[in-house]
Amino acid sequence: MEDQLRPIYQEKASQNNTLGILILEKKKPISPVTDNFDVILFIIVRDSEELWYVKHYEFENKSAAMHIVDEKLLQHWIDTSSYRRAVEWVINGHIIFERNEYLTNLKEHLREFPQQTRDLKKAIEFAKLIRSYTESKDLFDSEQYLDSYSRMVNSLHYLARLSIIEKGFHPEVTVWNQVKRIEPEIYKLYQELIESGEPTEKRIQLMILAVEHSISKRSRSSAQHLLQLMNEREEPWSFGELKVHPEIQEYILDLSSMIEYLVDHGVIEVVPQDTKGPGVFHRSYKTVEKYIEE
């Protein structure tokens, strides 16, 4: 298929702002990785007016999708796991053109998975996990068992991705295949939730206990991105200050529930600040000392 697409990608390769071109072919009849196209042509460019351009082709009863992505947007996807397919395309795609070993270096960077990027990804998944888990628990307490079940399935997905990142890997689209190899204990929880013959209520009740334990033992390491940022100064932080911090924007929507969890579990402490109203205080936050020193 590469030969049929050669005229298309050669034109892009001749342009000075093209950094690299990858090709990824469909391996099985149903292929989420390629969006069920027979081939993905992934082109990375620099300083593009359009950050992400997509065009679809058909040839000899085959289908192809060409994605042209600006390197800044791709880096955002890599840092935040916001479009995991693109990360898989880089990792598993075959290089058919690159400028100054751009793709070779990018592939190596993804294999190394720097700690700073890993901490950000863990914080993102941890924040989503906290919100989803607390919603599932609240729905269970309200006897809304089917809704609670749905949120618990989501919680296990976030926990699965978190565990994969902890092991130094990028979560793939087929995340449970990874978890089965990398973290079989979490895979077993997922099996128990969806395959057990127990009543739905009982299954959720057991998962609440198991997931709470998994969250608790990961809370400090998963929150390192936030804790290190808060430790950059001695003064406590108001929520408003944290909310506008540029490094937190990728998990800002789940920040409030994440902070409340960390407060409840003694990782972050509340520092009351006086207001004009007697007996009413602003809440500000700082890290608990033992979590800074260790």
Protein backbone atom coordinates (compact mmCIF):
# COMPACT_ATOMS: atom_id res chain seq x y z
CA MET A 1 0.00 0.00 0.00
CA GLU A 2 2.96 2.27 0.54
CA ASP A 3 3.60 2.34 -3.22
CA GLN A 4 0.06 3.54 -4.02
CA LEU A 5 0.36 6.34 -1.45
CA ARG A 6 3.87 7.35 -2.49
CA PRO A 7 2.79 10.30 -4.70
CA ILE A 8 0.81 11.74 -1.79
CA TYR A 9 3.49 11.52 0.88
CA GLN A 10 6.37 12.45 -1.45
CA GLU A 11 4.69 15.79 -2.07
CA LYS A 12 4.56 16.37 1.70
CA ALA A 13 8.13 15.16 2.20
CA SER A 14 9.38 17.80 -0.24
CA GLN A 15 7.99 20.61 1.92
CA ASN A 16 10.49 22.23 4.29
CA ASN A 17 8.21 22.20 7.33
CA THR A 18 7.58 18.43 7.19
CA LEU A 19 9.45 16.76 10.06
CA GLY A 20 8.49 13.13 9.52
CA ILE A 21 6.05 10.69 7.94
CA LEU A 22 4.88 7.37 9.39
CA ILE A 23 2.73 4.65 7.91
CA LEU A 24 0.70 2.13 9.89
CA GLU A 25 -1.26 -0.68 8.22
CA LYS A 26 -4.33 -2.47 9.50
CA LYS A 27 -3.41 -5.86 10.99
CA LYS A 28 -6.86 -7.39 11.59
CA PRO A 29 -10.45 -7.00 10.34
CA ILE A 30 -11.51 -4.75 13.21
CA SER A 31 -8.75 -2.27 14.01
CA PRO A 32 -9.44 0.51 16.55
CA VAL A 33 -5.81 1.64 16.25
CA THR A 34 -6.31 2.63 12.60
CA ASP A 35 -9.96 3.70 13.02
CA ASN A 36 -10.67 0.65 10.79
CA PHE A 37 -8.88 2.23 7.83
CA ASP A 38 -6.55 -0.08 5.95
CA VAL A 39 -3.68 2.35 6.38
CA ILE A 40 -2.86 5.47 8.36
CA LEU A 41 -0.47 8.02 6.92
CA PHE A 42 0.73 10.21 9.80
CA ILE A 43 2.59 13.37 8.87
CA ILE A 44 4.15 15.67 11.44
CA VAL A 45 4.86 19.26 10.46
CA ARG A 46 6.16 22.43 12.05
CA ASP A 47 4.46 25.86 12.22
CA SER A 48 1.33 24.77 10.39
CA GLU A 49 -1.57 27.17 9.98
CA GLU A 50 -3.97 24.29 10.60
CA LEU A 51 -2.99 22.26 13.67
CA TRP A 52 -4.66 19.04 12.52
CA TYR A 53 -5.71 18.28 8.96
CA VAL A 54 -7.35 14.98 7.95
CA LYS A 55 -8.11 13.61 4.50
CA HIS A 56 -9.56 10.21 3.52
CA TYR A 57 -8.64 8.20 0.41
CA GLU A 58 -9.85 5.08 -1.35
CA PHE A 59 -7.84 2.92 -3.78
CA GLU A 60 -8.12 -0.67 -5.03
CA ASN A 61 -10.92 -1.40 -2.54
CA LYS A 62 -8.68 -0.12 0.25
CA SER A 63 -9.10 2.91 2.50
CA ALA A 64 -6.54 5.31 3.90
CA ALA A 65 -6.59 8.25 6.31
CA MET A 66 -3.95 10.95 6.16
CA HIS A 67 -3.40 12.98 9.31
CA ILE A 68 -1.20 16.07 9.14
CA VAL A 69 -0.47 17.30 12.68
CA ASP A 70 1.55 20.22 13.96
CA GLU A 71 4.36 19.07 16.28
CA LYS A 72 3.06 21.26 19.14
CA LEU A 73 -0.34 19.58 19.07
CA LEU A 74 1.29 16.15 18.87
CA GLN A 75 3.43 16.96 21.90
CA HIS A 76 0.28 18.00 23.76
CA TRP A 77 -1.32 14.65 22.89
CA ILE A 78 1.78 12.83 24.10
CA ASP A 79 2.00 14.75 27.37
CA THR A 80 -1.67 14.38 28.26
CA SER A 81 -2.74 11.09 26.61
CA SER A 82 -5.61 13.10 25.13
CA TYR A 83 -5.38 11.27 21.79
CA ARG A 84 -3.79 7.89 22.48
CA ARG A 85 -4.12 6.65 18.89
CA ALA A 86 -1.61 9.24 17.75
CA VAL A 87 0.89 8.05 20.36
CA GLU A 88 0.45 4.49 19.11
CA TRP A 89 0.99 5.65 15.54
CA VAL A 90 4.31 7.15 16.54
CA ILE A 91 5.37 4.11 18.57
CA ASN A 92 4.27 1.43 16.11
CA GLY A 93 4.33 3.26 12.79
CA HIS A 94 6.98 2.59 10.14
CA ILE A 95 9.14 5.61 9.30
CA ILE A 96 9.06 6.40 5.58
CA PHE A 97 10.53 9.89 5.85
CA GLU A 98 12.16 11.99 8.55
CA ARG A 99 14.17 15.16 8.71
CA ASN A 100 17.26 15.22 10.95
CA GLU A 101 16.21 11.95 12.65
CA TYR A 102 13.15 13.68 14.10
CA LEU A 103 11.01 10.53 14.34
CA THR A 104 13.85 8.31 15.50
CA ASN A 105 14.48 10.69 18.38
CA LEU A 106 10.75 11.01 19.12
CA LYS A 107 10.33 7.24 19.30
CA GLU A 108 13.29 7.04 21.67
CA HIS A 109 11.83 9.83 23.81
CA LEU A 110 8.56 7.89 24.10
CA ARG A 111 10.41 4.74 25.09
CA GLU A 112 12.30 6.62 27.80
CA PHE A 113 9.06 8.22 29.13
CA PRO A 114 10.67 11.06 31.16
CA GLN A 115 9.62 11.32 34.81
CA GLN A 116 8.19 14.82 34.42
CA THR A 117 5.81 13.68 31.68
CA ARG A 118 4.99 10.53 33.65
CA ASP A 119 4.06 12.55 36.76
CA LEU A 120 1.72 14.77 34.73
CA LYS A 121 0.02 11.77 33.14
CA LYS A 122 -0.38 10.10 36.53
CA ALA A 123 -1.96 13.24 37.99
CA ILE A 124 -4.42 13.45 35.08
CA GLU A 125 -5.55 9.83 35.43
CA PHE A 126 -5.57 10.01 39.24
CA ALA A 127 -7.79 13.11 39.22
CA LYS A 128 -10.25 11.41 36.84
CA LEU A 129 -10.16 8.27 38.97
CA ILE A 130 -11.00 10.17 42.16
CA ARG A 131 -13.99 11.90 40.60
CA SER A 132 -15.32 8.75 38.95
CA TYR A 133 -14.86 6.64 42.07
CA THR A 134 -16.56 9.14 44.40
CA GLU A 135 -19.48 9.45 41.96
CA SER A 136 -19.81 5.66 41.85
CA LYS A 137 -19.75 5.47 45.64
CA ASP A 138 -22.36 8.23 45.99
CA LEU A 139 -24.65 6.57 43.45
CA PHE A 140 -24.27 3.26 45.29
CA ASP A 141 -25.25 4.91 48.58
CA SER A 142 -28.31 6.32 46.76
CA GLU A 143 -29.17 2.80 45.56
CA GLN A 144 -28.70 3.82 41.91
CA TYR A 145 -26.87 0.60 41.21
CA LEU A 146 -26.75 0.60 37.40
CA ASP A 147 -25.39 4.16 37.29
CA SER A 148 -22.94 3.25 40.04
CA TYR A 149 -21.84 0.20 38.03
CA SER A 150 -21.24 2.37 34.95
CA ARG A 151 -19.08 4.81 36.91
CA MET A 152 -17.17 1.93 38.50
CA VAL A 153 -16.30 0.55 35.06
CA ASN A 154 -14.92 3.99 34.19
CA SER A 155 -13.02 4.06 37.49
CA LEU A 156 -11.32 0.78 36.69
CA HIS A 157 -10.31 2.13 33.27
CA TYR A 158 -8.65 5.14 34.91
CA LEU A 159 -7.00 2.87 37.48
CA ALA A 160 -5.77 0.61 34.68
CA ARG A 161 -4.21 3.51 32.75
CA LEU A 162 -2.67 4.84 35.94
CA SER A 163 -1.06 1.48 36.69
CA ILE A 164 0.36 1.27 33.15
CA ILE A 165 1.93 4.71 33.48
CA GLU A 166 3.41 3.72 36.85
CA LYS A 167 5.21 0.87 35.09
CA GLY A 168 6.72 3.30 32.57
CA PHE A 169 4.47 2.59 29.58
CA HIS A 170 2.07 4.75 27.60
CA PRO A 171 -1.55 3.54 27.79
CA GLU A 172 -2.72 2.12 24.49
CA VAL A 173 -6.20 2.10 22.98
CA THR A 174 -6.50 -1.61 23.89
CA VAL A 175 -5.69 -0.87 27.50
CA TRP A 176 -6.90 -4.15 29.03
CA ASN A 177 -4.48 -6.21 26.92
CA GLN A 178 -1.72 -4.13 28.47
CA VAL A 179 -3.11 -4.43 32.00
CA LYS A 180 -3.42 -8.21 31.70
CA ARG A 181 0.33 -8.37 31.06
CA ILE A 182 1.51 -5.54 33.27
CA GLU A 183 -0.84 -5.39 36.27
CA PRO A 184 -2.83 -8.66 36.52
CA GLU A 185 -4.33 -7.73 39.90
CA ILE A 186 -6.25 -4.82 38.36
CA TYR A 187 -7.24 -6.97 35.39
CA LYS A 188 -8.70 -9.46 37.88
CA LEU A 189 -10.77 -6.68 39.50
CA TYR A 190 -12.18 -5.79 36.10
CA GLN A 191 -13.05 -9.43 35.44
CA GLU A 192 -14.75 -9.74 38.81
CA LEU A 193 -16.88 -6.66 38.16
CA ILE A 194 -18.09 -7.60 34.66
CA GLU A 195 -18.08 -11.42 34.80
CA SER A 196 -19.00 -12.35 38.39
CA GLY A 197 -22.27 -14.15 38.98
CA GLU A 198 -22.91 -12.05 42.10
CA PRO A 199 -25.78 -9.53 42.08
CA THR A 200 -24.83 -6.09 40.72
CA GLU A 201 -25.16 -4.50 44.15
CA LYS A 202 -22.72 -7.01 45.68
CA ARG A 203 -20.19 -6.62 42.86
CA ILE A 204 -20.13 -2.85 43.23
CA GLN A 205 -19.82 -3.09 47.00
CA LEU A 206 -16.74 -5.29 46.66
CA MET A 207 -15.22 -2.99 44.01
CA ILE A 208 -15.69 0.08 46.21
CA LEU A 209 -13.50 -1.52 48.87
CA ALA A 210 -10.91 -2.81 46.39
CA VAL A 211 -10.63 0.43 44.42
CA GLU A 212 -10.47 2.53 47.59
CA HIS A 213 -7.48 0.44 48.69
CA SER A 214 -5.79 0.82 45.28
CA ILE A 215 -6.35 4.58 45.28
CA SER A 216 -5.12 4.99 48.85
CA LYS A 217 -1.80 3.22 48.28
CA ARG A 218 -1.19 5.28 45.12
CA SER A 219 -2.33 8.67 46.39
CA ARG A 220 1.06 10.17 47.16
CA SER A 221 2.91 8.97 44.06
CA SER A 222 -0.01 9.75 41.75
CA ALA A 223 -0.29 13.30 43.13
CA GLN A 224 3.43 14.09 42.84
CA HIS A 225 2.86 16.56 40.02
CA LEU A 226 0.52 18.64 42.20
CA LEU A 227 2.51 18.20 45.43
CA GLN A 228 5.80 19.26 43.85
CA LEU A 229 4.16 22.31 42.34
CA MET A 230 2.63 23.30 45.68
CA ASN A 231 6.01 22.84 47.34
CA GLU A 232 7.58 25.50 45.11
CA ARG A 233 6.72 28.11 47.74
CA GLU A 234 6.27 28.14 51.51
CA GLU A 235 2.96 30.04 51.54
CA PRO A 236 -0.25 28.03 51.27
CA TRP A 237 -2.19 28.09 48.01
CA SER A 238 -5.76 29.22 47.52
CA PHE A 239 -7.81 27.09 45.17
CA GLY A 240 -8.07 30.07 42.84
CA GLU A 241 -4.28 30.28 42.58
CA LEU A 242 -4.00 26.59 41.79
CA LYS A 243 -6.88 26.77 39.34
CA VAL A 244 -5.12 29.28 37.09
CA HIS A 245 -1.66 27.70 37.27
CA PRO A 246 -0.67 26.76 33.70
CA GLU A 247 0.83 23.39 34.68
CA ILE A 248 -2.45 22.17 36.18
CA GLN A 249 -4.77 22.98 33.29
CA GLU A 250 -4.85 19.40 31.98
CA TYR A 251 -6.66 18.18 35.12
CA ILE A 252 -8.28 21.42 36.26
CA LEU A 253 -11.85 20.07 35.90
CA ASP A 254 -11.11 17.32 38.44
CA LEU A 255 -8.79 19.35 40.68
CA SER A 256 -11.39 20.13 43.35
CA SER A 257 -12.31 16.50 44.02
CA MET A 258 -8.64 15.51 43.89
CA ILE A 259 -7.70 18.10 46.53
CA GLU A 260 -10.59 17.07 48.77
CA TYR A 261 -9.47 13.45 48.59
CA LEU A 262 -5.87 14.40 49.44
CA VAL A 263 -7.11 16.53 52.36
CA ASP A 264 -9.27 13.69 53.68
CA HIS A 265 -6.30 11.32 53.51
CA GLY A 266 -3.78 13.62 55.15
CA VAL A 267 -1.63 14.33 52.10
CA ILE A 268 -2.66 18.01 51.90
CA GLU A 269 -3.79 20.12 54.86
CA VAL A 270 -6.20 23.03 55.04
CA VAL A 271 -4.88 26.38 56.27
CA PRO A 272 -7.75 28.72 57.30
CA GLN A 273 -7.40 32.39 56.27
CA ASP A 274 -9.38 35.20 57.93
CA THR A 275 -12.20 36.93 56.07
CA LYS A 276 -14.31 39.96 56.93
CA GLY A 277 -17.05 37.66 58.20
CA PRO A 278 -16.62 36.55 61.83
CA GLY A 279 -16.18 32.80 62.05
CA VAL A 280 -15.88 32.45 58.27
CA PHE A 281 -12.51 31.54 56.76
CA HIS A 282 -11.00 31.18 53.33
CA ARG A 283 -9.57 27.72 52.74
CA SER A 284 -6.01 27.54 51.50
CA TYR A 285 -3.86 24.45 51.10
CA LYS A 286 -0.34 23.25 51.67
CA THR A 287 1.38 19.88 51.54
CA VAL A 288 1.75 17.90 54.75
CA GLU A 289 5.39 18.03 55.87
CA LYS A 290 6.03 14.28 55.86
CA TYR A 291 5.01 14.10 52.21
CA ILE A 292 7.54 16.80 51.34
CA GLU A 293 10.47 15.26 53.13
CA GLU A 294 10.16 11.62 52.06
